[in-house]
Amino acid sequence: MPRTNERPVAAPRGHGLRLHSWNPDSAADVEAWLRGHRDPGFRRWNTPLKPVTDLDSARESLRIRARQQEEGVSLSLRITDEETGTTLGHIGLGEISRPLRLAHVGYWVLPEARGRGVATRALLLAAGHALTTLGLHRLELAHALGHDASCRVAERCGFRLEGTLRGAMFEEDDRDTFRDAHLHARLATDGVPAPAA
């Protein structure tokens, strides 16, 4: 399987988007990362293990992700507009298992970029990259129950609903309470979904 630790990593561009590695030394990247994590829409559905609350914690979060990328256990990509280079959000592969050829997918989109199919287009790009260039076999995507928009994105991108995981995610801003999640997955042997309209 090709290594995922070559920096900077750029997945194929397409669907009006381009994916780039986040740069912890870029003030613009750190600011975008912080804005994404402070967004109420993000916070409603995601409670990171380590909170990102200011520029210092955002920079440290990106440094950790860069190290994990160098170790080949994750891949964190900044979603940008292909023409303008404007940052639109994030998509990443986590917990990459080389023996199982498995990874977990997560993504978020900045508020001003929502409603334009960015998450769907980014997931199509990232999944195609993971299942071909990176040689992975299975991608898993979990989202909190009730997050219907994320469910629709997963299904549009060929991630089949496999069931409900009980108590699999933190509740909003609460690391002591858990909520259920839907589990979706896509295999390298599944058909390639049609691009988003």
N, C-alpha and C. Protein backbone atom coordinates (compact mmCIF):
# COMPACT_ATOMS: atom_id res chain seq x y z
N MET A 1 0.84 -1.19 0.00
CA MET A 1 0.00 0.00 0.00
C MET A 1 0.88 1.24 0.00
N PRO A 2 0.59 2.23 -0.85
CA PRO A 2 1.39 3.44 -0.85
C PRO A 2 1.34 4.13 0.50
N ARG A 3 2.46 4.77 0.87
CA ARG A 3 2.51 5.45 2.16
C ARG A 3 1.67 6.72 2.12
N THR A 4 1.12 7.08 3.29
CA THR A 4 0.30 8.30 3.38
C THR A 4 1.09 9.43 4.01
N ASN A 5 2.40 9.23 4.26
CA ASN A 5 3.12 10.23 5.04
C ASN A 5 3.96 11.17 4.21
N GLU A 6 3.77 11.22 2.91
CA GLU A 6 4.49 12.18 2.10
C GLU A 6 3.82 13.54 2.26
N ARG A 7 4.58 14.56 2.74
CA ARG A 7 4.00 15.88 2.91
C ARG A 7 4.58 16.82 1.89
N PRO A 8 3.80 17.74 1.32
CA PRO A 8 2.37 17.84 1.50
C PRO A 8 1.62 16.81 0.67
N VAL A 9 0.47 16.37 1.16
CA VAL A 9 -0.35 15.41 0.45
C VAL A 9 -1.45 16.16 -0.29
N ALA A 10 -1.66 15.84 -1.52
CA ALA A 10 -2.77 16.42 -2.28
C ALA A 10 -3.53 15.30 -2.95
N ALA A 11 -4.77 15.14 -2.60
CA ALA A 11 -5.62 14.16 -3.26
C ALA A 11 -6.01 14.74 -4.62
N PRO A 12 -6.48 13.92 -5.51
CA PRO A 12 -6.86 14.44 -6.84
C PRO A 12 -7.88 15.57 -6.72
N ARG A 13 -7.74 16.55 -7.58
CA ARG A 13 -8.72 17.63 -7.63
C ARG A 13 -9.86 17.19 -8.52
N GLY A 14 -10.99 17.78 -8.32
CA GLY A 14 -12.15 17.48 -9.14
C GLY A 14 -13.41 17.98 -8.47
N HIS A 15 -14.52 17.95 -9.22
CA HIS A 15 -15.82 18.40 -8.70
C HIS A 15 -15.74 19.83 -8.18
N GLY A 16 -14.79 20.64 -8.74
CA GLY A 16 -14.66 22.03 -8.32
C GLY A 16 -13.87 22.22 -7.04
N LEU A 17 -13.24 21.14 -6.54
CA LEU A 17 -12.51 21.20 -5.28
C LEU A 17 -11.08 20.72 -5.46
N ARG A 18 -10.26 21.06 -4.48
CA ARG A 18 -8.92 20.50 -4.38
C ARG A 18 -8.65 20.26 -2.90
N LEU A 19 -7.97 19.16 -2.59
CA LEU A 19 -7.66 18.80 -1.21
C LEU A 19 -6.16 18.97 -0.97
N HIS A 20 -5.82 19.59 0.16
CA HIS A 20 -4.42 19.83 0.52
C HIS A 20 -4.21 19.42 1.97
N SER A 21 -2.97 19.10 2.32
CA SER A 21 -2.64 18.92 3.74
C SER A 21 -2.77 20.25 4.48
N TRP A 22 -3.24 20.18 5.72
CA TRP A 22 -3.26 21.37 6.58
C TRP A 22 -1.82 21.69 6.97
N ASN A 23 -1.51 22.96 7.12
CA ASN A 23 -0.17 23.40 7.50
C ASN A 23 -0.21 24.10 8.85
N PRO A 24 0.32 23.48 9.91
CA PRO A 24 0.27 24.11 11.23
C PRO A 24 1.09 25.38 11.34
N ASP A 25 1.95 25.65 10.35
CA ASP A 25 2.75 26.87 10.36
C ASP A 25 2.09 28.00 9.58
N SER A 26 0.92 27.74 8.99
CA SER A 26 0.18 28.76 8.25
C SER A 26 -0.86 29.41 9.15
N ALA A 27 -0.75 30.72 9.31
CA ALA A 27 -1.73 31.44 10.14
C ALA A 27 -3.13 31.28 9.58
N ALA A 28 -3.26 31.29 8.26
CA ALA A 28 -4.59 31.14 7.64
C ALA A 28 -5.18 29.76 7.91
N ASP A 29 -4.35 28.72 7.83
CA ASP A 29 -4.83 27.37 8.10
C ASP A 29 -5.26 27.23 9.57
N VAL A 30 -4.45 27.77 10.47
CA VAL A 30 -4.77 27.69 11.91
C VAL A 30 -6.08 28.42 12.19
N GLU A 31 -6.26 29.60 11.61
CA GLU A 31 -7.49 30.37 11.81
C GLU A 31 -8.71 29.63 11.27
N ALA A 32 -8.58 29.02 10.09
CA ALA A 32 -9.70 28.26 9.51
C ALA A 32 -10.04 27.05 10.38
N TRP A 33 -9.02 26.38 10.89
CA TRP A 33 -9.22 25.22 11.77
C TRP A 33 -9.97 25.63 13.03
N LEU A 34 -9.56 26.75 13.61
CA LEU A 34 -10.22 27.26 14.81
C LEU A 34 -11.66 27.64 14.51
N ARG A 35 -11.90 28.37 13.41
CA ARG A 35 -13.28 28.74 13.05
C ARG A 35 -14.16 27.52 12.88
N GLY A 36 -13.63 26.49 12.24
CA GLY A 36 -14.40 25.27 12.06
C GLY A 36 -14.79 24.64 13.38
N HIS A 37 -13.85 24.60 14.33
CA HIS A 37 -14.13 23.96 15.62
C HIS A 37 -15.00 24.81 16.54
N ARG A 38 -15.02 26.11 16.32
CA ARG A 38 -15.86 26.99 17.14
C ARG A 38 -17.29 27.08 16.62
N ASP A 39 -17.51 26.66 15.40
CA ASP A 39 -18.81 26.78 14.76
C ASP A 39 -19.87 25.97 15.51
N PRO A 40 -21.02 26.58 15.85
CA PRO A 40 -22.07 25.84 16.55
C PRO A 40 -22.55 24.59 15.80
N GLY A 41 -22.58 24.66 14.46
CA GLY A 41 -22.97 23.47 13.69
C GLY A 41 -22.00 22.33 13.86
N PHE A 42 -20.71 22.62 13.93
CA PHE A 42 -19.70 21.60 14.20
C PHE A 42 -19.88 21.06 15.61
N ARG A 43 -19.99 21.98 16.57
CA ARG A 43 -20.05 21.59 17.99
C ARG A 43 -21.30 20.78 18.33
N ARG A 44 -22.37 20.99 17.57
CA ARG A 44 -23.60 20.22 17.83
C ARG A 44 -23.38 18.72 17.60
N TRP A 45 -22.57 18.40 16.59
CA TRP A 45 -22.43 17.00 16.19
C TRP A 45 -21.07 16.39 16.52
N ASN A 46 -20.11 17.20 16.94
CA ASN A 46 -18.75 16.71 17.20
C ASN A 46 -18.24 17.22 18.53
N THR A 47 -17.67 16.32 19.32
CA THR A 47 -17.02 16.69 20.56
C THR A 47 -15.63 16.05 20.53
N PRO A 48 -14.62 16.80 20.07
CA PRO A 48 -13.27 16.23 19.97
C PRO A 48 -12.73 15.79 21.33
N LEU A 49 -11.82 14.83 21.30
CA LEU A 49 -11.19 14.36 22.54
C LEU A 49 -10.49 15.52 23.24
N LYS A 50 -9.82 16.36 22.47
CA LYS A 50 -9.12 17.52 23.02
C LYS A 50 -9.72 18.77 22.42
N PRO A 51 -10.32 19.64 23.23
CA PRO A 51 -10.99 20.84 22.70
C PRO A 51 -10.03 21.78 21.97
N VAL A 52 -10.53 22.40 20.93
CA VAL A 52 -9.81 23.45 20.21
C VAL A 52 -10.56 24.74 20.50
N THR A 53 -9.95 25.62 21.29
CA THR A 53 -10.66 26.80 21.79
C THR A 53 -9.99 28.12 21.44
N ASP A 54 -8.72 28.09 21.03
CA ASP A 54 -8.00 29.31 20.70
C ASP A 54 -6.93 28.99 19.67
N LEU A 55 -6.20 30.02 19.23
CA LEU A 55 -5.20 29.81 18.18
C LEU A 55 -4.11 28.83 18.60
N ASP A 56 -3.69 28.89 19.87
CA ASP A 56 -2.64 27.96 20.33
C ASP A 56 -3.11 26.51 20.28
N SER A 57 -4.33 26.25 20.76
CA SER A 57 -4.83 24.87 20.74
C SER A 57 -5.13 24.41 19.32
N ALA A 58 -5.52 25.34 18.44
CA ALA A 58 -5.74 24.99 17.04
C ALA A 58 -4.43 24.61 16.37
N ARG A 59 -3.37 25.40 16.62
CA ARG A 59 -2.05 25.10 16.05
C ARG A 59 -1.54 23.76 16.56
N GLU A 60 -1.70 23.50 17.85
CA GLU A 60 -1.24 22.23 18.41
C GLU A 60 -2.03 21.06 17.83
N SER A 61 -3.33 21.24 17.65
CA SER A 61 -4.16 20.20 17.04
C SER A 61 -3.67 19.86 15.64
N LEU A 62 -3.33 20.89 14.86
CA LEU A 62 -2.83 20.65 13.51
C LEU A 62 -1.44 20.02 13.53
N ARG A 63 -0.62 20.37 14.51
CA ARG A 63 0.70 19.74 14.63
C ARG A 63 0.56 18.25 14.94
N ILE A 64 -0.36 17.93 15.82
CA ILE A 64 -0.60 16.51 16.14
C ILE A 64 -1.04 15.76 14.90
N ARG A 65 -1.95 16.36 14.13
CA ARG A 65 -2.42 15.72 12.90
C ARG A 65 -1.30 15.56 11.88
N ALA A 66 -0.41 16.56 11.80
CA ALA A 66 0.72 16.46 10.88
C ALA A 66 1.64 15.31 11.28
N ARG A 67 1.89 15.15 12.60
CA ARG A 67 2.72 14.03 13.07
C ARG A 67 2.07 12.70 12.75
N GLN A 68 0.76 12.60 13.00
CA GLN A 68 0.04 11.35 12.71
C GLN A 68 0.08 11.05 11.21
N GLN A 69 0.03 12.09 10.40
CA GLN A 69 0.11 11.90 8.95
C GLN A 69 1.49 11.37 8.57
N GLU A 70 2.54 11.92 9.17
CA GLU A 70 3.89 11.45 8.90
C GLU A 70 4.07 10.00 9.33
N GLU A 71 3.36 9.59 10.39
CA GLU A 71 3.43 8.20 10.86
C GLU A 71 2.56 7.27 10.02
N GLY A 72 1.74 7.84 9.14
CA GLY A 72 0.90 7.02 8.28
C GLY A 72 -0.37 6.50 8.91
N VAL A 73 -0.78 7.08 10.08
CA VAL A 73 -1.98 6.59 10.76
C VAL A 73 -3.20 7.48 10.52
N SER A 74 -2.99 8.64 9.87
CA SER A 74 -4.12 9.49 9.55
C SER A 74 -3.76 10.36 8.35
N LEU A 75 -4.77 10.99 7.80
CA LEU A 75 -4.59 11.91 6.68
C LEU A 75 -5.60 13.03 6.87
N SER A 76 -5.12 14.26 7.05
CA SER A 76 -5.99 15.41 7.29
C SER A 76 -5.87 16.37 6.12
N LEU A 77 -6.98 16.63 5.45
CA LEU A 77 -6.96 17.42 4.23
C LEU A 77 -7.88 18.63 4.33
N ARG A 78 -7.36 19.76 3.88
CA ARG A 78 -8.11 21.01 3.82
C ARG A 78 -8.86 21.02 2.49
N ILE A 79 -10.18 21.20 2.56
CA ILE A 79 -11.01 21.28 1.36
C ILE A 79 -10.95 22.72 0.86
N THR A 80 -10.56 22.90 -0.41
CA THR A 80 -10.50 24.25 -0.96
C THR A 80 -11.26 24.32 -2.28
N ASP A 81 -11.70 25.53 -2.62
CA ASP A 81 -12.28 25.79 -3.92
C ASP A 81 -11.17 25.67 -4.96
N GLU A 82 -11.41 24.90 -6.02
CA GLU A 82 -10.36 24.63 -7.00
C GLU A 82 -9.88 25.90 -7.70
N GLU A 83 -10.76 26.85 -7.92
CA GLU A 83 -10.38 28.07 -8.65
C GLU A 83 -9.77 29.13 -7.74
N THR A 84 -10.39 29.39 -6.60
CA THR A 84 -9.96 30.50 -5.74
C THR A 84 -8.97 30.08 -4.65
N GLY A 85 -8.94 28.80 -4.29
CA GLY A 85 -8.09 28.34 -3.20
C GLY A 85 -8.68 28.61 -1.83
N THR A 86 -9.89 29.15 -1.77
CA THR A 86 -10.55 29.46 -0.50
C THR A 86 -10.81 28.18 0.29
N THR A 87 -10.49 28.21 1.59
CA THR A 87 -10.74 27.05 2.45
C THR A 87 -12.24 26.92 2.71
N LEU A 88 -12.75 25.70 2.49
CA LEU A 88 -14.18 25.43 2.65
C LEU A 88 -14.47 24.50 3.82
N GLY A 89 -13.49 23.72 4.24
CA GLY A 89 -13.71 22.77 5.33
C GLY A 89 -12.58 21.76 5.43
N HIS A 90 -12.90 20.62 6.02
CA HIS A 90 -11.91 19.57 6.32
C HIS A 90 -12.48 18.21 5.99
N ILE A 91 -11.61 17.32 5.52
CA ILE A 91 -11.96 15.90 5.41
C ILE A 91 -10.73 15.10 5.79
N GLY A 92 -10.92 14.04 6.53
CA GLY A 92 -9.76 13.28 6.98
C GLY A 92 -10.04 11.79 7.08
N LEU A 93 -8.95 11.05 7.04
CA LEU A 93 -8.97 9.62 7.30
C LEU A 93 -8.26 9.42 8.63
N GLY A 94 -8.90 8.73 9.55
CA GLY A 94 -8.29 8.46 10.84
C GLY A 94 -8.18 6.98 11.11
N GLU A 95 -7.36 6.66 12.09
CA GLU A 95 -7.19 5.27 12.53
C GLU A 95 -6.92 4.35 11.33
N ILE A 96 -6.01 4.78 10.46
CA ILE A 96 -5.67 3.96 9.30
C ILE A 96 -4.98 2.69 9.76
N SER A 97 -5.53 1.55 9.38
CA SER A 97 -4.94 0.25 9.68
C SER A 97 -4.41 -0.35 8.40
N ARG A 98 -3.09 -0.43 8.29
CA ARG A 98 -2.50 -1.01 7.09
C ARG A 98 -2.81 -2.50 6.97
N PRO A 99 -2.72 -3.28 8.07
CA PRO A 99 -3.03 -4.72 7.92
C PRO A 99 -4.45 -4.98 7.44
N LEU A 100 -5.42 -4.21 7.95
CA LEU A 100 -6.81 -4.41 7.56
C LEU A 100 -7.21 -3.58 6.35
N ARG A 101 -6.34 -2.66 5.93
CA ARG A 101 -6.63 -1.73 4.83
C ARG A 101 -7.95 -1.00 5.09
N LEU A 102 -8.04 -0.45 6.29
CA LEU A 102 -9.26 0.17 6.82
C LEU A 102 -8.94 1.56 7.34
N ALA A 103 -9.90 2.48 7.21
CA ALA A 103 -9.77 3.81 7.81
C ALA A 103 -11.16 4.34 8.13
N HIS A 104 -11.20 5.34 9.02
CA HIS A 104 -12.44 6.03 9.39
C HIS A 104 -12.43 7.42 8.77
N VAL A 105 -13.56 7.83 8.21
CA VAL A 105 -13.67 9.11 7.53
C VAL A 105 -14.45 10.10 8.39
N GLY A 106 -13.97 11.33 8.42
CA GLY A 106 -14.69 12.41 9.09
C GLY A 106 -14.54 13.68 8.28
N TYR A 107 -15.50 14.59 8.40
CA TYR A 107 -15.45 15.83 7.62
C TYR A 107 -16.30 16.89 8.29
N TRP A 108 -16.00 18.14 7.98
CA TRP A 108 -16.86 19.27 8.35
C TRP A 108 -16.67 20.37 7.31
N VAL A 109 -17.68 21.23 7.21
CA VAL A 109 -17.67 22.31 6.23
C VAL A 109 -17.94 23.62 6.97
N LEU A 110 -17.20 24.66 6.61
CA LEU A 110 -17.40 25.97 7.23
C LEU A 110 -18.79 26.51 6.90
N PRO A 111 -19.38 27.31 7.78
CA PRO A 111 -20.77 27.76 7.58
C PRO A 111 -21.03 28.42 6.24
N GLU A 112 -20.10 29.26 5.78
CA GLU A 112 -20.33 29.98 4.52
C GLU A 112 -20.27 29.08 3.29
N ALA A 113 -19.78 27.85 3.46
CA ALA A 113 -19.68 26.92 2.32
C ALA A 113 -20.78 25.87 2.31
N ARG A 114 -21.67 25.91 3.29
CA ARG A 114 -22.73 24.89 3.37
C ARG A 114 -23.80 25.12 2.32
N GLY A 115 -24.50 24.04 1.98
CA GLY A 115 -25.59 24.12 1.03
C GLY A 115 -25.14 24.14 -0.42
N ARG A 116 -23.85 23.84 -0.67
CA ARG A 116 -23.30 23.86 -2.03
C ARG A 116 -22.76 22.49 -2.43
N GLY A 117 -23.05 21.46 -1.64
CA GLY A 117 -22.58 20.11 -1.98
C GLY A 117 -21.11 19.89 -1.71
N VAL A 118 -20.49 20.74 -0.89
CA VAL A 118 -19.06 20.63 -0.63
C VAL A 118 -18.72 19.31 0.05
N ALA A 119 -19.47 18.93 1.07
CA ALA A 119 -19.16 17.69 1.79
C ALA A 119 -19.28 16.48 0.86
N THR A 120 -20.31 16.45 0.04
CA THR A 120 -20.50 15.33 -0.89
C THR A 120 -19.34 15.26 -1.88
N ARG A 121 -19.00 16.39 -2.48
CA ARG A 121 -17.92 16.40 -3.47
C ARG A 121 -16.58 16.04 -2.85
N ALA A 122 -16.32 16.55 -1.64
CA ALA A 122 -15.06 16.25 -0.95
C ALA A 122 -14.98 14.78 -0.58
N LEU A 123 -16.10 14.21 -0.12
CA LEU A 123 -16.10 12.80 0.25
C LEU A 123 -15.90 11.91 -0.97
N LEU A 124 -16.49 12.27 -2.10
CA LEU A 124 -16.25 11.51 -3.33
C LEU A 124 -14.76 11.53 -3.69
N LEU A 125 -14.13 12.69 -3.60
CA LEU A 125 -12.70 12.80 -3.91
C LEU A 125 -11.84 12.01 -2.93
N ALA A 126 -12.08 12.22 -1.64
CA ALA A 126 -11.24 11.57 -0.63
C ALA A 126 -11.42 10.06 -0.64
N ALA A 127 -12.65 9.60 -0.81
CA ALA A 127 -12.89 8.15 -0.83
C ALA A 127 -12.23 7.52 -2.05
N GLY A 128 -12.35 8.18 -3.20
CA GLY A 128 -11.70 7.66 -4.39
C GLY A 128 -10.19 7.57 -4.21
N HIS A 129 -9.59 8.58 -3.60
CA HIS A 129 -8.15 8.61 -3.32
C HIS A 129 -7.76 7.47 -2.37
N ALA A 130 -8.56 7.31 -1.31
CA ALA A 130 -8.24 6.29 -0.30
C ALA A 130 -8.35 4.87 -0.85
N LEU A 131 -9.38 4.64 -1.66
CA LEU A 131 -9.65 3.27 -2.13
C LEU A 131 -8.84 2.90 -3.37
N THR A 132 -8.19 3.87 -3.98
CA THR A 132 -7.35 3.56 -5.16
C THR A 132 -5.89 3.87 -4.84
N THR A 133 -5.54 5.14 -4.78
CA THR A 133 -4.15 5.54 -4.57
C THR A 133 -3.56 4.97 -3.28
N LEU A 134 -4.31 5.04 -2.19
CA LEU A 134 -3.80 4.54 -0.91
C LEU A 134 -4.01 3.05 -0.73
N GLY A 135 -4.77 2.43 -1.60
CA GLY A 135 -4.95 0.98 -1.55
C GLY A 135 -5.77 0.46 -0.39
N LEU A 136 -6.63 1.29 0.19
CA LEU A 136 -7.48 0.82 1.29
C LEU A 136 -8.62 -0.02 0.73
N HIS A 137 -9.16 -0.89 1.58
CA HIS A 137 -10.28 -1.76 1.16
C HIS A 137 -11.61 -1.28 1.72
N ARG A 138 -11.61 -0.76 2.95
CA ARG A 138 -12.87 -0.40 3.63
C ARG A 138 -12.72 0.97 4.28
N LEU A 139 -13.72 1.81 4.06
CA LEU A 139 -13.82 3.10 4.73
C LEU A 139 -15.09 3.10 5.57
N GLU A 140 -14.96 3.49 6.83
CA GLU A 140 -16.11 3.58 7.72
C GLU A 140 -16.39 5.04 8.04
N LEU A 141 -17.67 5.37 8.14
CA LEU A 141 -18.11 6.73 8.42
C LEU A 141 -19.22 6.63 9.46
N ALA A 142 -19.01 7.24 10.61
CA ALA A 142 -20.03 7.23 11.66
C ALA A 142 -20.48 8.67 11.94
N HIS A 143 -21.77 8.85 12.16
CA HIS A 143 -22.29 10.17 12.52
C HIS A 143 -23.36 9.99 13.59
N ALA A 144 -23.53 11.01 14.40
CA ALA A 144 -24.52 10.96 15.47
C ALA A 144 -25.91 10.76 14.90
N LEU A 145 -26.71 9.96 15.59
CA LEU A 145 -28.10 9.76 15.21
C LEU A 145 -28.80 11.12 15.17
N GLY A 146 -29.57 11.36 14.14
CA GLY A 146 -30.26 12.63 14.00
C GLY A 146 -29.55 13.60 13.07
N HIS A 147 -28.31 13.30 12.73
CA HIS A 147 -27.56 14.18 11.81
C HIS A 147 -27.91 13.75 10.38
N ASP A 148 -29.11 14.15 9.97
CA ASP A 148 -29.65 13.69 8.68
C ASP A 148 -28.84 14.17 7.49
N ALA A 149 -28.27 15.37 7.57
CA ALA A 149 -27.47 15.88 6.45
C ALA A 149 -26.25 15.00 6.22
N SER A 150 -25.61 14.58 7.29
CA SER A 150 -24.44 13.72 7.16
C SER A 150 -24.84 12.34 6.63
N CYS A 151 -26.00 11.88 7.02
CA CYS A 151 -26.51 10.60 6.52
C CYS A 151 -26.71 10.67 5.01
N ARG A 152 -27.27 11.77 4.52
CA ARG A 152 -27.50 11.92 3.08
C ARG A 152 -26.19 12.01 2.32
N VAL A 153 -25.19 12.71 2.86
CA VAL A 153 -23.89 12.80 2.22
C VAL A 153 -23.28 11.41 2.09
N ALA A 154 -23.31 10.65 3.17
CA ALA A 154 -22.74 9.30 3.14
C ALA A 154 -23.40 8.44 2.07
N GLU A 155 -24.73 8.47 2.02
CA GLU A 155 -25.45 7.63 1.07
C GLU A 155 -25.18 8.06 -0.37
N ARG A 156 -25.11 9.38 -0.63
CA ARG A 156 -24.81 9.88 -1.98
C ARG A 156 -23.43 9.42 -2.45
N CYS A 157 -22.53 9.21 -1.51
CA CYS A 157 -21.14 8.85 -1.85
C CYS A 157 -20.89 7.35 -1.80
N GLY A 158 -21.97 6.56 -1.75
CA GLY A 158 -21.81 5.11 -1.81
C GLY A 158 -21.49 4.44 -0.48
N PHE A 159 -21.65 5.15 0.63
CA PHE A 159 -21.41 4.58 1.96
C PHE A 159 -22.73 3.99 2.45
N ARG A 160 -22.84 2.69 2.43
CA ARG A 160 -24.09 2.02 2.82
C ARG A 160 -24.27 2.05 4.33
N LEU A 161 -25.51 2.25 4.75
CA LEU A 161 -25.84 2.19 6.17
C LEU A 161 -25.76 0.74 6.63
N GLU A 162 -24.94 0.49 7.65
CA GLU A 162 -24.76 -0.87 8.15
C GLU A 162 -25.43 -1.10 9.50
N GLY A 163 -25.79 -0.04 10.19
CA GLY A 163 -26.47 -0.24 11.46
C GLY A 163 -26.25 0.91 12.42
N THR A 164 -26.68 0.70 13.66
CA THR A 164 -26.56 1.70 14.71
C THR A 164 -25.57 1.22 15.77
N LEU A 165 -24.63 2.09 16.10
CA LEU A 165 -23.66 1.82 17.15
C LEU A 165 -24.17 2.47 18.44
N ARG A 166 -24.39 1.66 19.46
CA ARG A 166 -24.93 2.19 20.71
C ARG A 166 -23.85 2.89 21.52
N GLY A 167 -24.17 4.10 21.99
CA GLY A 167 -23.25 4.84 22.86
C GLY A 167 -21.87 5.01 22.27
N ALA A 168 -21.79 5.32 20.98
CA ALA A 168 -20.49 5.33 20.30
C ALA A 168 -19.84 6.70 20.18
N MET A 169 -20.60 7.77 20.51
CA MET A 169 -20.05 9.12 20.38
C MET A 169 -20.41 9.94 21.60
N PHE A 170 -19.56 10.94 21.87
CA PHE A 170 -19.88 11.86 22.96
C PHE A 170 -21.11 12.68 22.59
N GLU A 171 -21.88 13.03 23.61
CA GLU A 171 -22.94 14.01 23.43
C GLU A 171 -22.30 15.37 23.19
N GLU A 172 -23.10 16.32 22.75
CA GLU A 172 -22.61 17.66 22.47
C GLU A 172 -21.96 18.28 23.70
N ASP A 173 -20.67 18.63 23.58
CA ASP A 173 -19.90 19.28 24.65
C ASP A 173 -19.96 18.53 25.97
N ASP A 174 -20.05 17.21 25.93
CA ASP A 174 -20.15 16.41 27.16
C ASP A 174 -19.40 15.10 26.96
N ARG A 175 -18.22 15.01 27.57
CA ARG A 175 -17.40 13.81 27.43
C ARG A 175 -17.73 12.72 28.45
N ASP A 176 -18.79 12.94 29.21
CA ASP A 176 -19.23 11.94 30.18
C ASP A 176 -20.53 11.27 29.77
N THR A 177 -21.15 11.75 28.70
CA THR A 177 -22.42 11.20 28.22
C THR A 177 -22.25 10.79 26.76
N PHE A 178 -22.87 9.68 26.41
CA PHE A 178 -22.69 9.14 25.07
C PHE A 178 -24.01 9.07 24.31
N ARG A 179 -23.91 9.10 22.99
CA ARG A 179 -25.08 8.98 22.13
C ARG A 179 -24.81 7.94 21.05
N ASP A 180 -25.89 7.48 20.44
CA ASP A 180 -25.79 6.47 19.40
C ASP A 180 -25.33 7.10 18.08
N ALA A 181 -24.81 6.26 17.21
CA ALA A 181 -24.33 6.73 15.91
C ALA A 181 -24.73 5.75 14.82
N HIS A 182 -24.95 6.26 13.64
CA HIS A 182 -25.13 5.42 12.45
C HIS A 182 -23.76 5.07 11.91
N LEU A 183 -23.59 3.82 11.49
CA LEU A 183 -22.35 3.39 10.85
C LEU A 183 -22.63 3.14 9.37
N HIS A 184 -21.86 3.83 8.52
CA HIS A 184 -21.89 3.64 7.08
C HIS A 184 -20.53 3.10 6.65
N ALA A 185 -20.47 2.38 5.55
CA ALA A 185 -19.18 1.92 5.04
C ALA A 185 -19.22 1.81 3.52
N ARG A 186 -18.04 1.98 2.94
CA ARG A 186 -17.87 1.78 1.51
C ARG A 186 -16.63 0.92 1.30
N LEU A 187 -16.74 -0.07 0.41
CA LEU A 187 -15.64 -0.97 0.10
C LEU A 187 -15.04 -0.62 -1.25
N ALA A 188 -13.79 -0.98 -1.44
CA ALA A 188 -13.14 -0.77 -2.73
C ALA A 188 -13.86 -1.54 -3.83
N THR A 189 -14.54 -2.63 -3.45
CA THR A 189 -15.24 -3.46 -4.44
C THR A 189 -16.65 -2.98 -4.73
N ASP A 190 -17.12 -1.96 -4.01
CA ASP A 190 -18.44 -1.38 -4.31
C ASP A 190 -18.33 -0.56 -5.59
N GLY A 191 -19.45 -0.37 -6.24
CA GLY A 191 -19.46 0.47 -7.43
C GLY A 191 -19.12 1.92 -7.10
N VAL A 192 -18.57 2.63 -8.06
CA VAL A 192 -18.25 4.04 -7.89
C VAL A 192 -19.51 4.87 -8.09
N PRO A 193 -19.91 5.67 -7.09
CA PRO A 193 -21.12 6.47 -7.26
C PRO A 193 -20.94 7.55 -8.32
N ALA A 194 -22.05 7.95 -8.92
CA ALA A 194 -22.01 9.04 -9.90
C ALA A 194 -21.65 10.33 -9.20
N PRO A 195 -20.91 11.23 -9.85
CA PRO A 195 -20.57 12.53 -9.24
C PRO A 195 -21.83 13.30 -8.90
N ALA A 196 -21.69 14.15 -7.87
CA ALA A 196 -22.82 14.98 -7.44
C ALA A 196 -23.19 15.94 -8.57
N ALA A 197 -24.48 16.18 -8.72
CA ALA A 197 -24.95 17.10 -9.78
C ALA A 197 -24.65 18.52 -9.41
